[in-house]
Each structure stands twice: as C-alpha cells, then as structure tokens.
C-alpha atoms as a PDB file:
ATOM      1  CA  MET A   1      23.157 -63.727 -32.659  1.00  0.00           C
ATOM      2  CA  PRO A   2      26.495 -65.614 -32.435  1.00  0.00           C
ATOM      3  CA  ASP A   3      28.374 -62.538 -31.153  1.00  0.00           C
ATOM      4  CA  THR A   4      28.101 -63.742 -27.570  1.00  0.00           C
ATOM      5  CA  TRP A   5      30.013 -66.881 -28.544  1.00  0.00           C
ATOM      6  CA  THR A   6      32.752 -64.972 -30.333  1.00  0.00           C
ATOM      7  CA  THR A   7      33.161 -62.642 -27.363  1.00  0.00           C
ATOM      8  CA  ALA A   8      33.260 -65.530 -24.883  1.00  0.00           C
ATOM      9  CA  LEU A   9      35.962 -67.339 -26.835  1.00  0.00           C
ATOM     10  CA  ALA A  10      38.023 -64.152 -27.150  1.00  0.00           C
ATOM     11  CA  SER A  11      37.709 -63.683 -23.378  1.00  0.00           C
ATOM     12  CA  TYR A  12      38.830 -67.218 -22.475  1.00  0.00           C
ATOM     13  CA  ARG A  13      41.698 -67.258 -19.991  1.00  0.00           C
ATOM     14  CA  TYR A  14      43.524 -70.161 -18.344  1.00  0.00           C
ATOM     15  CA  PRO A  15      46.988 -68.925 -17.382  1.00  0.00           C
ATOM     16  CA  VAL A  16      49.476 -71.652 -16.463  1.00  0.00           C
ATOM     17  CA  ARG A  17      53.120 -71.641 -15.374  1.00  0.00           C
ATOM     18  CA  LEU A  18      54.581 -74.999 -16.345  1.00  0.00           C
ATOM     19  CA  SER A  19      57.849 -73.847 -14.759  1.00  0.00           C
ATOM     20  CA  GLU A  20      56.278 -74.208 -11.316  1.00  0.00           C
ATOM     21  CA  TYR A  21      56.224 -78.017 -11.561  1.00  0.00           C
ATOM     22  CA  VAL A  22      58.170 -79.255  -8.563  1.00  0.00           C
ATOM     23  CA  ASP A  23      60.111 -81.905 -10.536  1.00  0.00           C
ATOM     24  CA  ARG A  24      60.851 -79.762 -13.570  1.00  0.00           C
ATOM     25  CA  ASN A  25      64.638 -80.118 -13.052  1.00  0.00           C
ATOM     26  CA  LEU A  26      64.319 -83.850 -13.686  1.00  0.00           C
ATOM     27  CA  HIS A  27      63.047 -83.128 -17.194  1.00  0.00           C
ATOM     28  CA  PRO A  28      65.563 -80.934 -19.050  1.00  0.00           C
ATOM     29  CA  GLY A  29      63.905 -79.005 -21.842  1.00  0.00           C
ATOM     30  CA  TRP A  30      60.423 -79.567 -20.450  1.00  0.00           C
ATOM     31  CA  PHE A  31      58.214 -77.511 -18.144  1.00  0.00           C
ATOM     32  CA  VAL A  32      59.880 -74.336 -19.348  1.00  0.00           C
ATOM     33  CA  HIS A  33      56.924 -72.660 -21.067  1.00  0.00           C
ATOM     34  CA  ASP A  34      54.630 -70.332 -19.154  1.00  0.00           C
ATOM     35  CA  PHE A  35      51.299 -69.166 -20.525  1.00  0.00           C
ATOM     36  CA  LEU A  36      50.881 -65.960 -18.568  1.00  0.00           C
ATOM     37  CA  ILE A  37      47.742 -64.881 -20.390  1.00  0.00           C
ATOM     38  CA  GLY A  38      46.361 -68.301 -21.215  1.00  0.00           C
ATOM     39  CA  ASP A  39      44.076 -66.997 -23.943  1.00  0.00           C
ATOM     40  CA  HIS A  40      42.796 -68.930 -26.941  1.00  0.00           C
ATOM     41  CA  GLY A  41      45.973 -68.332 -28.948  1.00  0.00           C
ATOM     42  CA  GLN A  42      48.437 -69.417 -26.270  1.00  0.00           C
ATOM     43  CA  THR A  43      46.344 -72.418 -25.321  1.00  0.00           C
ATOM     44  CA  SER A  44      45.963 -73.534 -28.938  1.00  0.00           C
ATOM     45  CA  ARG A  45      49.731 -73.375 -29.379  1.00  0.00           C
ATOM     46  CA  PHE A  46      50.146 -75.619 -26.339  1.00  0.00           C
ATOM     47  CA  GLU A  47      47.758 -78.094 -27.962  1.00  0.00           C
ATOM     48  CA  GLU A  48      49.937 -77.972 -31.092  1.00  0.00           C
ATOM     49  CA  ARG A  49      53.002 -78.651 -28.955  1.00  0.00           C
ATOM     50  CA  PHE A  50      51.415 -81.851 -27.675  1.00  0.00           C
ATOM     51  CA  ARG A  51      50.468 -82.967 -31.186  1.00  0.00           C
ATOM     52  CA  GLU A  52      54.023 -82.328 -32.353  1.00  0.00           C
ATOM     53  CA  LEU A  53      55.887 -83.932 -29.447  1.00  0.00           C
ATOM     54  CA  GLY A  54      53.472 -86.381 -27.822  1.00  0.00           C
ATOM     55  CA  SER A  55      54.108 -89.136 -30.348  1.00  0.00           C
ATOM     56  CA  SER A  56      57.676 -89.595 -29.127  1.00  0.00           C
ATOM     57  CA  ASN A  57      57.948 -88.017 -25.650  1.00  0.00           C
ATOM     58  CA  THR A  58      56.099 -89.103 -22.517  1.00  0.00           C
ATOM     59  CA  GLU A  59      57.120 -85.756 -21.012  1.00  0.00           C
ATOM     60  CA  ALA A  60      54.688 -84.090 -23.408  1.00  0.00           C
ATOM     61  CA  TRP A  61      51.935 -86.150 -21.814  1.00  0.00           C
ATOM     62  CA  ILE A  62      52.827 -85.213 -18.256  1.00  0.00           C
ATOM     63  CA  GLU A  63      53.083 -81.545 -19.232  1.00  0.00           C
ATOM     64  CA  VAL A  64      49.430 -81.800 -20.245  1.00  0.00           C
ATOM     65  CA  VAL A  65      48.524 -83.494 -16.950  1.00  0.00           C
ATOM     66  CA  TYR A  66      50.157 -80.649 -15.029  1.00  0.00           C
ATOM     67  CA  TRP A  67      48.545 -78.036 -17.280  1.00  0.00           C
ATOM     68  CA  LYS A  68      45.119 -79.559 -16.701  1.00  0.00           C
ATOM     69  CA  LEU A  69      45.608 -79.629 -12.918  1.00  0.00           C
ATOM     70  CA  TYR A  70      47.284 -76.238 -12.613  1.00  0.00           C
ATOM     71  CA  SER A  71      44.209 -74.627 -11.046  1.00  0.00           C
ATOM     72  CA  GLN A  72      44.401 -77.221  -8.251  1.00  0.00           C
ATOM     73  CA  PRO A  73      47.698 -76.448  -6.487  1.00  0.00           C
ATOM     74  CA  MET A  74      47.117 -79.042  -3.758  1.00  0.00           C
ATOM     75  CA  VAL A  75      47.196 -81.954  -6.211  1.00  0.00           C
ATOM     76  CA  ARG A  76      48.913 -80.808  -9.411  1.00  0.00           C
ATOM     77  CA  ASN A  77      52.469 -81.726  -8.417  1.00  0.00           C
ATOM     78  CA  GLY A  78      51.672 -85.017  -6.731  1.00  0.00           C
ATOM     79  CA  THR A  79      49.379 -86.302  -9.452  1.00  0.00           C
ATOM     80  CA  THR A  80      51.744 -85.325 -12.270  1.00  0.00           C
ATOM     81  CA  ARG A  81      54.645 -87.010 -10.486  1.00  0.00           C
ATOM     82  CA  LYS A  82      52.544 -90.131  -9.861  1.00  0.00           C
ATOM     83  CA  VAL A  83      51.493 -90.414 -13.513  1.00  0.00           C
ATOM     84  CA  PHE A  84      55.076 -90.187 -14.772  1.00  0.00           C
ATOM     85  CA  LYS A  85      56.283 -92.664 -12.157  1.00  0.00           C
ATOM     86  CA  GLY A  86      53.532 -95.054 -13.197  1.00  0.00           C
ATOM     87  CA  PHE A  87      54.499 -94.782 -16.857  1.00  0.00           C
ATOM     88  CA  ASN A  88      58.068 -95.728 -15.957  1.00  0.00           C
ATOM     89  CA  GLU A  89      57.252 -98.503 -13.489  1.00  0.00           C
ATOM     90  CA  ARG A  90      54.755-100.169 -15.820  1.00  0.00           C
ATOM     91  CA  GLN A  91      56.912 -99.479 -18.883  1.00  0.00           C
ATOM     92  CA  ILE A  92      54.166 -97.553 -20.651  1.00  0.00           C
ATOM     93  CA  GLY A  93      55.698 -95.606 -23.466  1.00  0.00           C
ATOM     94  CA  CYS A  94      54.503 -93.341 -26.220  1.00  0.00           C
ATOM     95  CA  SER A  95      53.577 -96.239 -28.479  1.00  0.00           C
ATOM     96  CA  ALA A  96      50.978 -97.605 -26.059  1.00  0.00           C
ATOM     97  CA  LEU A  97      49.705 -94.140 -25.157  1.00  0.00           C
ATOM     98  CA  ASN A  98      49.301 -93.010 -28.755  1.00  0.00           C
ATOM     99  CA  GLU A  99      47.749 -96.294 -29.826  1.00  0.00           C
ATOM    100  CA  ALA A 100      45.091 -96.045 -27.111  1.00  0.00           C
ATOM    101  CA  LEU A 101      44.501 -92.350 -27.802  1.00  0.00           C
ATOM    102  CA  SER A 102      44.129 -92.930 -31.541  1.00  0.00           C
ATOM    103  CA  ALA A 103      41.750 -95.822 -30.918  1.00  0.00           C
ATOM    104  CA  TYR A 104      39.459 -93.674 -28.776  1.00  0.00           C
ATOM    105  CA  VAL A 105      39.542 -90.730 -31.163  1.00  0.00           C
ATOM    106  CA  ALA A 106      38.634 -93.031 -34.041  1.00  0.00           C
ATOM    107  CA  THR A 107      35.918 -94.877 -32.110  1.00  0.00           C
ATOM    108  CA  PRO A 108      34.852 -92.984 -28.978  1.00  0.00           C
ATOM    109  CA  THR A 109      33.276 -95.716 -26.877  1.00  0.00           C
ATOM    110  CA  CYS A 110      33.256 -96.421 -23.164  1.00  0.00           C
ATOM    111  CA  GLU A 111      35.587 -99.356 -23.771  1.00  0.00           C
ATOM    112  CA  SER A 112      38.145 -97.397 -25.802  1.00  0.00           C
ATOM    113  CA  PHE A 113      38.104 -94.534 -23.285  1.00  0.00           C
ATOM    114  CA  ASN A 114      38.636 -96.975 -20.414  1.00  0.00           C
ATOM    115  CA  ASP A 115      41.552 -98.539 -22.288  1.00  0.00           C
ATOM    116  CA  LEU A 116      43.179 -95.107 -22.506  1.00  0.00           C
ATOM    117  CA  ARG A 117      42.325 -94.212 -18.911  1.00  0.00           C
ATOM    118  CA  ALA A 118      43.800 -97.461 -17.588  1.00  0.00           C
ATOM    119  CA  LEU A 119      47.257 -96.461 -18.794  1.00  0.00           C
ATOM    120  CA  PHE A 120      47.350 -93.572 -16.337  1.00  0.00           C
ATOM    121  CA  GLY A 121      46.922 -95.816 -13.297  1.00  0.00           C
ATOM    122  CA  PHE A 122      44.350 -93.661 -11.541  1.00  0.00           C
ATOM    123  CA  ASN A 123      42.717 -95.243  -8.504  1.00  0.00           C
ATOM    124  CA  THR A 124      39.360 -93.613  -9.246  1.00  0.00           C
ATOM    125  CA  SER A 125      37.097 -93.560 -12.294  1.00  0.00           C
ATOM    126  CA  ALA A 126      37.496 -89.792 -12.798  1.00  0.00           C
ATOM    127  CA  ILE A 127      37.508 -88.764 -16.465  1.00  0.00           C
ATOM    128  CA  ALA A 128      38.485 -85.097 -16.776  1.00  0.00           C
ATOM    129  CA  ILE A 129      42.280 -85.485 -17.004  1.00  0.00           C
ATOM    130  CA  VAL A 130      42.155 -88.269 -19.582  1.00  0.00           C
ATOM    131  CA  ALA A 131      39.504 -86.407 -21.615  1.00  0.00           C
ATOM    132  CA  THR A 132      42.037 -83.617 -22.130  1.00  0.00           C
ATOM    133  CA  PHE A 133      44.167 -85.726 -24.462  1.00  0.00           C
ATOM    134  CA  PRO A 134      41.578 -86.382 -27.201  1.00  0.00           C
ATOM    135  CA  ALA A 135      40.754 -82.656 -27.105  1.00  0.00           C
ATOM    136  CA  PHE A 136      44.422 -81.770 -27.660  1.00  0.00           C
ATOM    137  CA  PHE A 137      44.933 -84.499 -30.260  1.00  0.00           C
ATOM    138  CA  ASP A 138      41.779 -83.851 -32.312  1.00  0.00           C
ATOM    139  CA  PRO A 139      40.210 -80.542 -31.208  1.00  0.00           C
ATOM    140  CA  ASP A 140      37.878 -80.469 -34.207  1.00  0.00           C
ATOM    141  CA  ALA A 141      35.884 -83.395 -32.829  1.00  0.00           C
ATOM    142  CA  HIS A 142      36.720 -83.663 -29.125  1.00  0.00           C
ATOM    143  CA  PRO A 143      36.068 -81.075 -26.400  1.00  0.00           C
ATOM    144  CA  MET A 144      37.408 -81.229 -22.875  1.00  0.00           C
ATOM    145  CA  VAL A 145      35.015 -81.728 -19.974  1.00  0.00           C
ATOM    146  CA  ASP A 146      35.041 -80.899 -16.264  1.00  0.00           C
ATOM    147  CA  THR A 147      32.655 -79.908 -13.489  1.00  0.00           C
ATOM    148  CA  ARG A 148      32.556 -76.312 -14.722  1.00  0.00           C
ATOM    149  CA  ILE A 149      31.229 -77.538 -18.067  1.00  0.00           C
ATOM    150  CA  ALA A 150      28.829 -79.903 -16.316  1.00  0.00           C
ATOM    151  CA  LYS A 151      27.360 -77.061 -14.277  1.00  0.00           C
ATOM    152  CA  TRP A 152      26.854 -74.901 -17.370  1.00  0.00           C
ATOM    153  CA  VAL A 153      25.106 -77.788 -19.118  1.00  0.00           C
ATOM    154  CA  GLU A 154      22.754 -78.342 -16.197  1.00  0.00           C
ATOM    155  CA  ALA A 155      21.902 -74.633 -16.009  1.00  0.00           C
ATOM    156  CA  CYS A 156      21.541 -73.949 -19.740  1.00  0.00           C
ATOM    157  CA  MET A 157      20.734 -77.204 -21.523  1.00  0.00           C
ATOM    158  CA  ASN A 158      16.986 -76.694 -21.774  1.00  0.00           C
ATOM    159  CA  GLN A 159      17.304 -73.421 -23.694  1.00  0.00           C
ATOM    160  CA  HIS A 160      19.938 -74.740 -26.051  1.00  0.00           C
ATOM    161  CA  ASN A 161      18.189 -78.055 -26.676  1.00  0.00           C
ATOM    162  CA  ALA A 162      14.916 -76.276 -27.414  1.00  0.00           C
ATOM    163  CA  ALA A 163      16.597 -73.973 -29.949  1.00  0.00           C
ATOM    164  CA  ASP A 164      17.571 -76.957 -32.117  1.00  0.00           C
ATOM    165  CA  PRO A 165      15.311 -79.864 -31.128  1.00  0.00           C
ATOM    166  CA  ASN A 166      16.372 -82.076 -34.022  1.00  0.00           C
ATOM    167  CA  GLY A 167      20.081 -81.588 -33.421  1.00  0.00           C
ATOM    168  CA  PRO A 168      22.295 -83.333 -30.856  1.00  0.00           C
ATOM    169  CA  GLN A 169      20.898 -82.780 -27.374  1.00  0.00           C
ATOM    170  CA  LEU A 170      22.721 -81.991 -24.150  1.00  0.00           C
ATOM    171  CA  SER A 171      22.021 -84.144 -21.117  1.00  0.00           C
ATOM    172  CA  LYS A 172      22.702 -83.634 -17.435  1.00  0.00           C
ATOM    173  CA  PHE A 173      25.997 -84.896 -16.063  1.00  0.00           C
ATOM    174  CA  PRO A 174      25.787 -87.072 -12.947  1.00  0.00           C
ATOM    175  CA  LEU A 175      28.173 -85.478 -10.462  1.00  0.00           C
ATOM    176  CA  ARG A 176      29.719 -87.513  -7.665  1.00  0.00           C
ATOM    177  CA  GLY A 177      31.281 -85.139  -5.202  1.00  0.00           C
ATOM    178  CA  THR A 178      33.511 -82.665  -6.998  1.00  0.00           C
ATOM    179  CA  VAL A 179      34.560 -84.789  -9.985  1.00  0.00           C
ATOM    180  CA  LEU A 180      33.110 -86.369 -13.088  1.00  0.00           C
ATOM    181  CA  THR A 181      33.459 -90.149 -13.183  1.00  0.00           C
ATOM    182  CA  MET A 182      32.751 -92.848 -15.744  1.00  0.00           C
ATOM    183  CA  SER A 183      29.106 -92.694 -14.671  1.00  0.00           C
ATOM    184  CA  ALA A 184      29.040 -89.460 -16.705  1.00  0.00           C
ATOM    185  CA  PHE A 185      30.417 -91.040 -19.879  1.00  0.00           C
ATOM    186  CA  ASP A 186      27.113 -91.008 -21.787  1.00  0.00           C
ATOM    187  CA  ALA A 187      26.540 -87.331 -20.947  1.00  0.00           C
ATOM    188  CA  PHE A 188      30.150 -86.667 -21.966  1.00  0.00           C
ATOM    189  CA  GLN A 189      29.428 -88.161 -25.392  1.00  0.00           C
ATOM    190  CA  ASP A 190      26.259 -86.077 -25.721  1.00  0.00           C
ATOM    191  CA  TRP A 191      28.388 -83.039 -24.928  1.00  0.00           C
ATOM    192  CA  ARG A 192      30.974 -84.079 -27.535  1.00  0.00           C
ATOM    193  CA  ARG A 193      28.358 -84.473 -30.271  1.00  0.00           C
ATOM    194  CA  TRP A 194      26.700 -81.191 -29.299  1.00  0.00           C
ATOM    195  CA  CYS A 195      30.018 -79.314 -29.461  1.00  0.00           C
ATOM    196  CA  ILE A 196      30.752 -80.692 -32.923  1.00  0.00           C
ATOM    197  CA  HIS A 197      27.313 -79.616 -34.137  1.00  0.00           C
ATOM    198  CA  THR A 198      27.552 -76.187 -32.505  1.00  0.00           C
ATOM    199  CA  ALA A 199      31.000 -75.641 -34.046  1.00  0.00           C
ATOM    200  CA  LYS A 200      29.480 -76.225 -37.490  1.00  0.00           C
ATOM    201  CA  LYS A 201      26.789 -73.629 -36.771  1.00  0.00           C
ATOM    202  CA  LEU A 202      29.280 -71.055 -35.542  1.00  0.00           C
ATOM    203  CA  THR A 203      31.592 -71.638 -38.502  1.00  0.00           C
ATOM    204  CA  THR A 204      28.768 -70.685 -40.880  1.00  0.00           C
ATOM    205  CA  ARG A 205      27.728 -67.658 -38.814  1.00  0.00           C
ATOM    206  CA  THR A 206      31.034 -66.058 -37.802  1.00  0.00           C
ATOM    207  CA  PRO A 207      34.263 -65.160 -39.655  1.00  0.00           C
ATOM    208  CA  MET A 208      36.288 -67.991 -38.045  1.00  0.00           C
ATOM    209  CA  THR A 209      36.375 -71.761 -38.302  1.00  0.00           C
ATOM    210  CA  TRP A 210      35.246 -73.242 -35.002  1.00  0.00           C
ATOM    211  CA  ARG A 211      36.359 -76.504 -33.455  1.00  0.00           C
ATOM    212  CA  ALA A 212      34.506 -78.558 -30.855  1.00  0.00           C
ATOM    213  CA  ARG A 213      37.268 -77.501 -28.471  1.00  0.00           C
ATOM    214  CA  ASP A 214      36.554 -73.822 -29.192  1.00  0.00           C
ATOM    215  CA  VAL A 215      32.892 -74.293 -28.300  1.00  0.00           C
ATOM    216  CA  GLU A 216      33.970 -75.841 -25.011  1.00  0.00           C
ATOM    217  CA  MET A 217      36.398 -72.978 -24.298  1.00  0.00           C
ATOM    218  CA  ALA A 218      33.612 -70.445 -24.849  1.00  0.00           C
ATOM    219  CA  VAL A 219      31.357 -72.352 -22.454  1.00  0.00           C
ATOM    220  CA  PHE A 220      34.181 -72.642 -19.908  1.00  0.00           C
ATOM    221  CA  HIS A 221      34.525 -68.863 -19.905  1.00  0.00           C
ATOM    222  CA  ALA A 222      30.769 -68.285 -19.918  1.00  0.00           C
ATOM    223  CA  TRP A 223      30.194 -70.238 -16.718  1.00  0.00           C
ATOM    224  CA  GLY A 224      32.492 -67.955 -14.752  1.00  0.00           C
ATOM    225  CA  GLY A 225      34.904 -68.461 -11.878  1.00  0.00           C
ATOM    226  CA  ARG A 226      34.396 -69.864  -8.416  1.00  0.00           C
ATOM    227  CA  ARG A 227      32.350 -66.847  -7.375  1.00  0.00           C
ATOM    228  CA  GLY A 228      28.971 -66.092  -8.933  1.00  0.00           C
ATOM    229  CA  PRO A 229      26.887 -65.216 -10.687  1.00  0.00           C
ATOM    230  CA  HIS A 230      26.648 -68.307 -12.878  1.00  0.00           C
ATOM    231  CA  PRO A 231      26.659 -68.298 -15.782  1.00  0.00           C
ATOM    232  CA  SER A 232      28.517 -65.015 -15.892  1.00  0.00           C
ATOM    233  CA  VAL A 233      28.114 -64.657 -19.671  1.00  0.00           C
ATOM    234  CA  TYR A 234      24.969 -65.395 -21.659  1.00  0.00           C
ATOM    235  CA  LEU A 235      25.534 -67.553 -24.742  1.00  0.00           C
ATOM    236  CA  ASN A 236      22.764 -67.257 -27.274  1.00  0.00           C
ATOM    237  CA  PRO A 237      21.037 -70.555 -28.108  1.00  0.00           C
ATOM    238  CA  LEU A 238      21.627 -71.254 -31.784  1.00  0.00           C
ATOM    239  CA  GLY A 239      18.949 -72.495 -34.111  1.00  0.00           C
ATOM    240  CA  PRO A 240      19.351 -75.301 -36.665  1.00  0.00           C
ATOM    241  CA  ILE A 241      21.993 -75.208 -39.372  1.00  0.00           C
END
C-alpha cells in the first residue's frame, strides 16, 4: 500500500529561519523569509523562489546554501558567507552558475557535477550542498541527498530492491566520516534513478503527482531525527509499475 508514502510526505518538516543569517543586513530584500513549519508546501514554494530568482541573483543561490545548512548552526553562517565571498572574488555570476547547473541537469555525469561543484570553491569533495541545486531546479528528476538519506538506503535497500528487481536498484553509499563525498557519486546516481522510478509508481497509485524530490522528502522524514529508532516510519516497498 502506498499510504505510508503519502503519510510520510505529509509529515515532512524542515523549519528554517532565513532571517537568522548573520550577514542578512548586507543583502537587502534577501534572507527575510522564515519557514516556521517547513512542510512540503512551504519547502516547495522556496524551491519555486529559487527557480524564479536564481537565474539573475546570486543571493538566491546563497539563500539555498544557508537553507541547506540551517540544521548545522556551527557552520551555516560561515559557509554561506564563504560561498558568497568566493563568488565575488572569483567573479562567478549567475550566468556561469546557471550554465553549469543546466549542463548537469541535462547530462548528470561525474564531470558535469564536478564542474558545478568547482564554482562553489569548497576545499573538500563533499556533495550534499551542491546536490541541492539540481533538486530545486528540476525536482521532477533530481532528489537531494545527505547522510540521512544514505543511512535509510543502507537500512532499507534490500527490501525495496527485491520488490522491483527489474527496476532501478539502490546501492550503498560509501560514507567518509559524517559527509558524503564524490566517492559516493555512483550511489547518488542510483538513488536519483530510483527516486524517478518510485515517483512514477506513486503517481499511478495515489491522488497526487509525485516528483523525485517528493520521494526523497518522504524518505528524509521516514528515517527520523538524530534519536532513534531508525527508520522511524516504515515505507512500503513498491512493486513494479
């Protein structure tokens, strides 16, 4: 039954206060929206905001960086500030950012993802922040990914793979410390293809049209918070289309 998926998506919460960004006063008109509930509706509207404004405003990009890092108060301000400073110092504007993002969305390869990631100037090969932008830009075909997703995949992949053995298969993410790096890129692509396929199943079996991003949001909720048990919500494995 797909009801567990529908319930998980409806229960998704990621509340964020953009107004808490330490440098918000340097960006008039930005970092003024707070998502106090952070449910599917509010989060989807924030995605729409990026699609509307990201083509011509680098501030839209750094809002997404801060949003992504909001649950990590020790790094969210510093990393967001560093990304914006890097854009300015290296004269990386919206044209370069959107060109690289569009190239990856059109052809999601390791090379095209690295080209996008390089623009952010990160010193590590971590992927989660950069993976947020394809998910906001094209949520039908691109889910986000982070360690919470990776842990759900490791715990639940066998059941879900077995339910649809001829469909896209999940694979274990290699975790290095507490972050996902480029060593996990192949597993990330397996996850992307699986989310697209699962969204098609759920669209035919529930009243709503599902996106790959919606599948990921349901999984994010299903894994649970920092305290157990994990997963906290059971998602029914779905058979073939």
